[in-house]
Structure formats: C-alpha cells, structure tokens
N, C-alpha and C. Protein backbone atom coordinates (compact mmCIF):
# COMPACT_ATOMS: atom_id res chain seq x y z
N MET A 1 -89.38 33.18 140.70
CA MET A 1 -88.11 33.73 141.18
C MET A 1 -87.17 32.63 141.64
N LEU A 2 -87.70 31.57 142.25
CA LEU A 2 -86.86 30.51 142.77
C LEU A 2 -86.14 29.72 141.67
N PRO A 3 -86.77 29.42 140.51
CA PRO A 3 -86.01 28.73 139.45
C PRO A 3 -84.84 29.56 138.92
N ILE A 4 -84.99 30.87 138.88
CA ILE A 4 -83.89 31.73 138.42
C ILE A 4 -82.73 31.65 139.41
N ILE A 5 -83.04 31.65 140.69
CA ILE A 5 -81.99 31.55 141.71
C ILE A 5 -81.33 30.18 141.66
N ALA A 6 -82.12 29.13 141.43
CA ALA A 6 -81.55 27.78 141.33
C ALA A 6 -80.60 27.68 140.14
N ILE A 7 -80.96 28.29 139.01
CA ILE A 7 -80.08 28.28 137.84
C ILE A 7 -78.82 29.08 138.13
N ALA A 8 -78.96 30.23 138.80
CA ALA A 8 -77.80 31.06 139.13
C ALA A 8 -76.86 30.31 140.08
N VAL A 9 -77.42 29.61 141.07
CA VAL A 9 -76.60 28.84 142.01
C VAL A 9 -75.87 27.73 141.26
N PHE A 10 -76.59 27.05 140.37
CA PHE A 10 -75.97 25.97 139.60
C PHE A 10 -74.82 26.50 138.75
N LEU A 11 -75.03 27.62 138.06
CA LEU A 11 -73.97 28.18 137.22
C LEU A 11 -72.77 28.65 138.05
N LEU A 12 -73.04 29.34 139.17
CA LEU A 12 -71.93 29.80 140.01
C LEU A 12 -71.13 28.64 140.58
N MET A 13 -71.81 27.62 141.04
CA MET A 13 -71.10 26.47 141.61
C MET A 13 -70.34 25.69 140.53
N THR A 14 -70.92 25.57 139.34
CA THR A 14 -70.24 24.86 138.26
C THR A 14 -68.99 25.61 137.81
N VAL A 15 -69.13 26.91 137.58
CA VAL A 15 -67.98 27.72 137.15
C VAL A 15 -66.92 27.74 138.26
N GLY A 16 -67.35 27.89 139.51
CA GLY A 16 -66.41 27.90 140.63
C GLY A 16 -65.65 26.59 140.76
N THR A 17 -66.35 25.46 140.60
CA THR A 17 -65.69 24.17 140.68
C THR A 17 -64.71 23.98 139.53
N PHE A 18 -65.10 24.42 138.34
CA PHE A 18 -64.20 24.31 137.19
C PHE A 18 -62.95 25.16 137.40
N LEU A 19 -63.14 26.39 137.87
CA LEU A 19 -61.99 27.28 138.05
C LEU A 19 -61.06 26.83 139.17
N ILE A 20 -61.61 26.21 140.19
CA ILE A 20 -60.79 25.78 141.32
C ILE A 20 -59.89 24.60 140.94
N THR A 21 -60.24 23.87 139.89
CA THR A 21 -59.42 22.73 139.48
C THR A 21 -58.29 23.12 138.53
N GLN A 22 -58.16 24.39 138.21
CA GLN A 22 -57.10 24.86 137.31
C GLN A 22 -55.81 25.08 138.09
N ARG A 23 -54.71 25.21 137.36
CA ARG A 23 -53.40 25.41 137.99
C ARG A 23 -53.10 26.87 138.28
N SER A 24 -53.73 27.78 137.58
CA SER A 24 -53.45 29.20 137.74
C SER A 24 -54.04 29.71 139.06
N LEU A 25 -53.23 30.43 139.82
CA LEU A 25 -53.71 30.95 141.10
C LEU A 25 -54.81 31.99 140.91
N LEU A 26 -54.76 32.75 139.81
CA LEU A 26 -55.81 33.72 139.54
C LEU A 26 -57.15 33.02 139.32
N ARG A 27 -57.13 31.94 138.57
CA ARG A 27 -58.38 31.19 138.35
C ARG A 27 -58.89 30.55 139.64
N VAL A 28 -57.98 30.08 140.47
CA VAL A 28 -58.39 29.50 141.76
C VAL A 28 -59.05 30.56 142.64
N ALA A 29 -58.47 31.77 142.66
CA ALA A 29 -59.05 32.86 143.45
C ALA A 29 -60.44 33.24 142.93
N LEU A 30 -60.58 33.32 141.62
CA LEU A 30 -61.90 33.64 141.05
C LEU A 30 -62.90 32.50 141.28
N GLY A 31 -62.41 31.27 141.25
CA GLY A 31 -63.29 30.12 141.53
C GLY A 31 -63.79 30.12 142.96
N LEU A 32 -62.92 30.48 143.90
CA LEU A 32 -63.36 30.58 145.30
C LEU A 32 -64.40 31.69 145.47
N GLY A 33 -64.22 32.79 144.74
CA GLY A 33 -65.22 33.86 144.78
C GLY A 33 -66.56 33.40 144.24
N CYS A 34 -66.55 32.66 143.12
CA CYS A 34 -67.80 32.14 142.56
C CYS A 34 -68.48 31.16 143.51
N LEU A 35 -67.69 30.29 144.13
CA LEU A 35 -68.27 29.35 145.09
C LEU A 35 -68.86 30.08 146.29
N GLY A 36 -68.18 31.12 146.75
CA GLY A 36 -68.70 31.89 147.88
C GLY A 36 -70.02 32.57 147.54
N HIS A 37 -70.12 33.13 146.33
CA HIS A 37 -71.37 33.79 145.94
C HIS A 37 -72.49 32.77 145.76
N GLY A 38 -72.16 31.59 145.25
CA GLY A 38 -73.18 30.55 145.13
C GLY A 38 -73.71 30.10 146.47
N ILE A 39 -72.82 29.94 147.44
CA ILE A 39 -73.25 29.55 148.79
C ILE A 39 -74.07 30.66 149.42
N ASN A 40 -73.70 31.92 149.17
CA ASN A 40 -74.49 33.03 149.69
C ASN A 40 -75.91 33.01 149.14
N LEU A 41 -76.05 32.70 147.86
CA LEU A 41 -77.40 32.61 147.28
C LEU A 41 -78.19 31.46 147.88
N ILE A 42 -77.52 30.35 148.18
CA ILE A 42 -78.21 29.22 148.81
C ILE A 42 -78.73 29.62 150.19
N VAL A 43 -77.88 30.27 150.98
CA VAL A 43 -78.30 30.67 152.33
C VAL A 43 -79.41 31.71 152.26
N LEU A 44 -79.30 32.64 151.33
CA LEU A 44 -80.32 33.68 151.20
C LEU A 44 -81.65 33.10 150.75
N SER A 45 -81.62 32.12 149.88
CA SER A 45 -82.88 31.52 149.43
C SER A 45 -83.48 30.60 150.49
N ALA A 46 -82.70 30.21 151.50
CA ALA A 46 -83.23 29.38 152.58
C ALA A 46 -84.15 30.17 153.51
N GLY A 47 -83.99 31.49 153.54
CA GLY A 47 -84.87 32.33 154.36
C GLY A 47 -86.25 32.46 153.72
N ARG A 48 -87.19 32.87 154.50
CA ARG A 48 -88.54 33.07 153.97
C ARG A 48 -88.56 34.24 153.01
N TRP A 49 -89.33 34.11 151.96
CA TRP A 49 -89.50 35.18 150.98
C TRP A 49 -90.82 35.88 151.28
N GLY A 50 -90.76 36.91 152.07
CA GLY A 50 -91.96 37.67 152.38
C GLY A 50 -92.01 38.95 151.57
N ALA A 51 -93.14 39.60 151.66
CA ALA A 51 -93.32 40.82 150.89
C ALA A 51 -92.93 42.07 151.67
N GLN A 52 -92.80 41.95 152.99
CA GLN A 52 -92.55 43.14 153.81
C GLN A 52 -91.31 42.96 154.67
N ALA A 53 -90.78 44.10 155.08
CA ALA A 53 -89.65 44.08 156.01
C ALA A 53 -90.14 43.67 157.39
N PRO A 54 -89.27 43.07 158.22
CA PRO A 54 -89.69 42.60 159.54
C PRO A 54 -89.82 43.75 160.55
N ILE A 55 -90.79 44.60 160.34
CA ILE A 55 -91.08 45.70 161.25
C ILE A 55 -92.35 45.35 162.01
N VAL A 56 -92.33 45.55 163.33
CA VAL A 56 -93.49 45.19 164.15
C VAL A 56 -94.59 46.22 163.94
N THR A 57 -95.68 45.77 163.36
CA THR A 57 -96.86 46.61 163.17
C THR A 57 -98.08 45.79 163.55
N PRO A 58 -99.14 46.44 164.00
CA PRO A 58 -100.34 45.68 164.37
C PRO A 58 -100.97 45.01 163.15
N GLY A 59 -101.38 43.78 163.35
CA GLY A 59 -102.07 43.03 162.30
C GLY A 59 -101.14 42.34 161.31
N LEU A 60 -99.85 42.40 161.50
CA LEU A 60 -98.90 41.78 160.58
C LEU A 60 -98.65 40.34 161.01
N GLN A 61 -98.81 39.41 160.11
CA GLN A 61 -98.60 37.99 160.40
C GLN A 61 -97.12 37.63 160.20
N PRO A 62 -96.59 36.69 160.98
CA PRO A 62 -95.17 36.30 160.83
C PRO A 62 -94.86 35.69 159.45
N THR A 63 -95.85 35.14 158.79
CA THR A 63 -95.59 34.53 157.48
C THR A 63 -95.50 35.57 156.37
N ASP A 64 -95.84 36.82 156.65
CA ASP A 64 -95.81 37.86 155.63
C ASP A 64 -94.48 38.61 155.56
N VAL A 65 -93.60 38.36 156.50
CA VAL A 65 -92.35 39.12 156.55
C VAL A 65 -91.18 38.23 156.13
N THR A 66 -90.10 38.87 155.75
CA THR A 66 -88.87 38.18 155.37
C THR A 66 -88.04 37.92 156.62
N ASP A 67 -87.40 36.75 156.67
CA ASP A 67 -86.55 36.40 157.80
C ASP A 67 -85.24 37.19 157.69
N PRO A 68 -84.87 38.00 158.69
CA PRO A 68 -83.66 38.81 158.58
C PRO A 68 -82.36 38.09 158.92
N VAL A 69 -82.44 36.91 159.56
CA VAL A 69 -81.22 36.22 160.00
C VAL A 69 -80.38 35.74 158.80
N PRO A 70 -80.95 35.07 157.79
CA PRO A 70 -80.11 34.69 156.64
C PRO A 70 -79.51 35.90 155.93
N GLN A 71 -80.23 37.00 155.91
CA GLN A 71 -79.70 38.21 155.29
C GLN A 71 -78.47 38.73 156.05
N ALA A 72 -78.53 38.66 157.37
CA ALA A 72 -77.38 39.09 158.17
C ALA A 72 -76.19 38.15 157.97
N PHE A 73 -76.46 36.83 157.90
CA PHE A 73 -75.38 35.88 157.65
C PHE A 73 -74.73 36.11 156.29
N VAL A 74 -75.57 36.36 155.28
CA VAL A 74 -75.04 36.56 153.93
C VAL A 74 -74.24 37.85 153.86
N LEU A 75 -74.69 38.89 154.53
CA LEU A 75 -73.94 40.14 154.55
C LEU A 75 -72.55 39.94 155.16
N THR A 76 -72.49 39.18 156.25
CA THR A 76 -71.20 38.87 156.87
C THR A 76 -70.35 38.01 155.94
N ALA A 77 -70.97 37.03 155.30
CA ALA A 77 -70.23 36.14 154.40
C ALA A 77 -69.70 36.89 153.18
N ILE A 78 -70.44 37.89 152.70
CA ILE A 78 -69.96 38.69 151.56
C ILE A 78 -68.69 39.43 151.95
N VAL A 79 -68.65 39.99 153.14
CA VAL A 79 -67.46 40.71 153.59
C VAL A 79 -66.28 39.75 153.73
N ILE A 80 -66.51 38.58 154.29
CA ILE A 80 -65.44 37.60 154.46
C ILE A 80 -64.94 37.11 153.10
N THR A 81 -65.86 36.83 152.18
CA THR A 81 -65.47 36.38 150.84
C THR A 81 -64.67 37.44 150.11
N MET A 82 -65.09 38.70 150.25
CA MET A 82 -64.36 39.79 149.60
C MET A 82 -62.94 39.89 150.16
N ALA A 83 -62.79 39.77 151.48
CA ALA A 83 -61.47 39.85 152.09
C ALA A 83 -60.59 38.68 151.65
N LEU A 84 -61.16 37.48 151.59
CA LEU A 84 -60.39 36.32 151.14
C LEU A 84 -59.98 36.46 149.69
N THR A 85 -60.88 36.93 148.84
CA THR A 85 -60.56 37.11 147.42
C THR A 85 -59.48 38.17 147.24
N LEU A 86 -59.57 39.27 147.96
CA LEU A 86 -58.53 40.30 147.85
C LEU A 86 -57.18 39.79 148.35
N TYR A 87 -57.18 39.00 149.40
CA TYR A 87 -55.93 38.43 149.90
C TYR A 87 -55.32 37.49 148.86
N LEU A 88 -56.14 36.64 148.23
CA LEU A 88 -55.62 35.73 147.22
C LEU A 88 -55.12 36.48 145.99
N LEU A 89 -55.84 37.52 145.59
CA LEU A 89 -55.38 38.32 144.45
C LEU A 89 -54.07 39.04 144.77
N ALA A 90 -53.91 39.50 146.00
CA ALA A 90 -52.64 40.11 146.41
C ALA A 90 -51.52 39.08 146.39
N ALA A 91 -51.81 37.84 146.77
CA ALA A 91 -50.80 36.79 146.71
C ALA A 91 -50.41 36.49 145.27
N VAL A 92 -51.37 36.53 144.36
CA VAL A 92 -51.08 36.31 142.94
C VAL A 92 -50.19 37.43 142.40
N VAL A 93 -50.53 38.68 142.73
CA VAL A 93 -49.73 39.82 142.28
C VAL A 93 -48.33 39.74 142.86
N SER A 94 -48.21 39.38 144.12
CA SER A 94 -46.90 39.27 144.76
C SER A 94 -46.06 38.19 144.09
N GLN A 95 -46.68 37.08 143.77
CA GLN A 95 -45.96 35.97 143.13
C GLN A 95 -45.49 36.36 141.74
N THR A 96 -46.30 37.05 140.98
CA THR A 96 -45.90 37.44 139.63
C THR A 96 -44.87 38.56 139.65
N ARG A 97 -44.91 39.44 140.63
CA ARG A 97 -43.90 40.50 140.72
C ARG A 97 -42.53 39.97 141.09
N ARG A 98 -42.50 38.86 141.80
CA ARG A 98 -41.22 38.25 142.15
C ARG A 98 -40.61 37.50 140.97
N GLY A 99 -41.30 37.52 139.85
CA GLY A 99 -40.77 36.88 138.66
C GLY A 99 -41.21 35.45 138.48
N GLY A 100 -41.96 34.94 139.41
CA GLY A 100 -42.43 33.57 139.29
C GLY A 100 -43.76 33.51 138.58
N ARG A 101 -44.12 32.31 138.19
CA ARG A 101 -45.43 32.12 137.57
C ARG A 101 -46.43 31.86 138.68
N ALA A 102 -47.58 32.43 138.56
CA ALA A 102 -48.61 32.27 139.57
C ALA A 102 -49.40 31.00 139.29
N GLU A 103 -48.75 29.86 139.48
CA GLU A 103 -49.39 28.57 139.24
C GLU A 103 -49.15 27.66 140.43
N LEU A 104 -50.06 26.74 140.62
CA LEU A 104 -49.92 25.75 141.68
C LEU A 104 -48.99 24.65 141.21
N GLN A 105 -48.20 24.13 142.12
CA GLN A 105 -47.29 23.04 141.79
C GLN A 105 -47.76 21.78 142.48
N ALA A 106 -47.49 20.66 141.85
CA ALA A 106 -47.88 19.38 142.44
C ALA A 106 -47.06 19.12 143.69
N ALA A 107 -47.70 18.61 144.70
CA ALA A 107 -47.00 18.28 145.95
C ALA A 107 -46.20 17.01 145.75
N PRO A 108 -45.00 16.94 146.32
CA PRO A 108 -44.22 15.71 146.19
C PRO A 108 -44.90 14.58 146.98
N GLU A 109 -44.72 13.38 146.49
CA GLU A 109 -45.34 12.24 147.16
C GLU A 109 -44.71 12.00 148.53
N SER A 110 -43.41 12.25 148.63
CA SER A 110 -42.73 12.04 149.89
C SER A 110 -41.51 12.96 149.95
N ASP A 111 -41.24 13.51 151.11
CA ASP A 111 -40.04 14.33 151.29
C ASP A 111 -38.82 13.47 151.59
N GLY A 112 -39.03 12.18 151.77
CA GLY A 112 -37.92 11.30 152.07
C GLY A 112 -36.96 11.15 150.92
N GLU A 113 -37.41 11.42 149.69
CA GLU A 113 -36.56 11.29 148.52
C GLU A 113 -35.64 12.49 148.35
N LEU A 114 -35.94 13.63 149.00
CA LEU A 114 -35.18 14.85 148.82
C LEU A 114 -34.02 14.91 149.82
N ASP A 115 -32.92 15.48 149.39
CA ASP A 115 -31.79 15.66 150.30
C ASP A 115 -31.92 17.00 151.01
N GLY A 116 -30.97 17.31 151.88
CA GLY A 116 -31.02 18.52 152.70
C GLY A 116 -31.09 19.81 151.92
N PRO A 117 -30.20 20.05 150.94
CA PRO A 117 -30.26 21.31 150.19
C PRO A 117 -31.55 21.48 149.39
N SER A 118 -32.09 20.38 148.88
CA SER A 118 -33.35 20.48 148.13
C SER A 118 -34.51 20.86 149.05
N LEU A 119 -34.53 20.29 150.25
CA LEU A 119 -35.58 20.65 151.21
C LEU A 119 -35.44 22.10 151.64
N ALA A 120 -34.21 22.56 151.86
CA ALA A 120 -33.99 23.96 152.25
C ALA A 120 -34.43 24.90 151.14
N ALA A 121 -34.16 24.55 149.88
CA ALA A 121 -34.58 25.38 148.76
C ALA A 121 -36.10 25.40 148.64
N GLU A 122 -36.73 24.26 148.91
CA GLU A 122 -38.20 24.21 148.84
C GLU A 122 -38.82 25.08 149.91
N PHE A 123 -38.30 25.03 151.13
CA PHE A 123 -38.86 25.85 152.20
C PHE A 123 -38.56 27.33 152.02
N ALA A 124 -37.47 27.65 151.32
CA ALA A 124 -37.12 29.05 151.07
C ALA A 124 -37.93 29.62 149.91
N GLY A 125 -38.65 28.76 149.16
CA GLY A 125 -39.47 29.24 148.06
C GLY A 125 -38.71 29.40 146.76
N ARG A 126 -37.62 28.63 146.62
CA ARG A 126 -36.85 28.66 145.38
C ARG A 126 -37.06 27.31 144.67
N PRO A 127 -38.14 27.16 143.88
CA PRO A 127 -38.43 25.87 143.27
C PRO A 127 -37.40 25.46 142.23
N GLY A 128 -36.66 26.39 141.65
CA GLY A 128 -35.67 26.02 140.65
C GLY A 128 -34.46 25.33 141.24
N ASP A 129 -34.21 25.46 142.53
CA ASP A 129 -33.05 24.86 143.18
C ASP A 129 -33.28 23.42 143.62
N GLN A 130 -34.49 22.91 143.39
CA GLN A 130 -34.80 21.57 143.85
C GLN A 130 -34.16 20.54 142.93
N ALA A 131 -33.92 19.35 143.44
CA ALA A 131 -33.30 18.31 142.64
C ALA A 131 -34.29 17.63 141.74
C-alpha cells in the first residue's frame, strides 16, 4: 500500500508544480489543489497504519490501532484546501467576466520607471493604461 501512496504523492506534487508554473490563473488554482492533496497524503501516511479504529477495548495493543491525529489534521486541511481552491476559481471567473484574460502578469522590476498616471492605472487594475 505504501508504494502506491508514494507514487500518488509523486504524481500529485509533480503535476501541481508543473501547473503552478503556468501563466493561466485556472492552472495555478488547479496546481495549488494538487499540491494540497499531495501534502494531505504525506501527512496521512505519516500516521500509523493499524487495522482497527482507536477504540478502547480490553486487550488491544497501541500498535494495533490507527493514529487519529493525522486524520484530523488532514480532514481540516481538506476543508481549507477546498475553500482556497473555490476562492481562486471565483477570482478566475470574476477576472474573465470583467473581460480580462485570467493570466498572471510579470511584475515590473521597479516602480521608479513609471510615472504617476501609469501607477494609478496599475493600482486601479487597468493594465492597458500603463505606459
């Protein structure tokens, strides 16, 4: 079971890293989701793999049960990752509805080269008005 999880983690992290390096905001959002799921699998596999649920019964050894703490962390992380992904997807939809392309733009090396109206246009979110 562990080699299958290792391969799944490798694939999720590889695809997530590839998608995060793209310019499209949709691909970046999906890449962050893949990275989040890969990290969740890493945390989940760090817990003990037992055959029984952690219920107190007589004669049960601690090495026979699954550790519930990583499962609780992963459950919380899944909810946070889902909320972050939905927020990013909403930002992508909002950007495309405004008529713009949902792509990342390169950051300027220095704002010292821009004049006042160009800086105001940049802060207002009108990239076409820049010099």
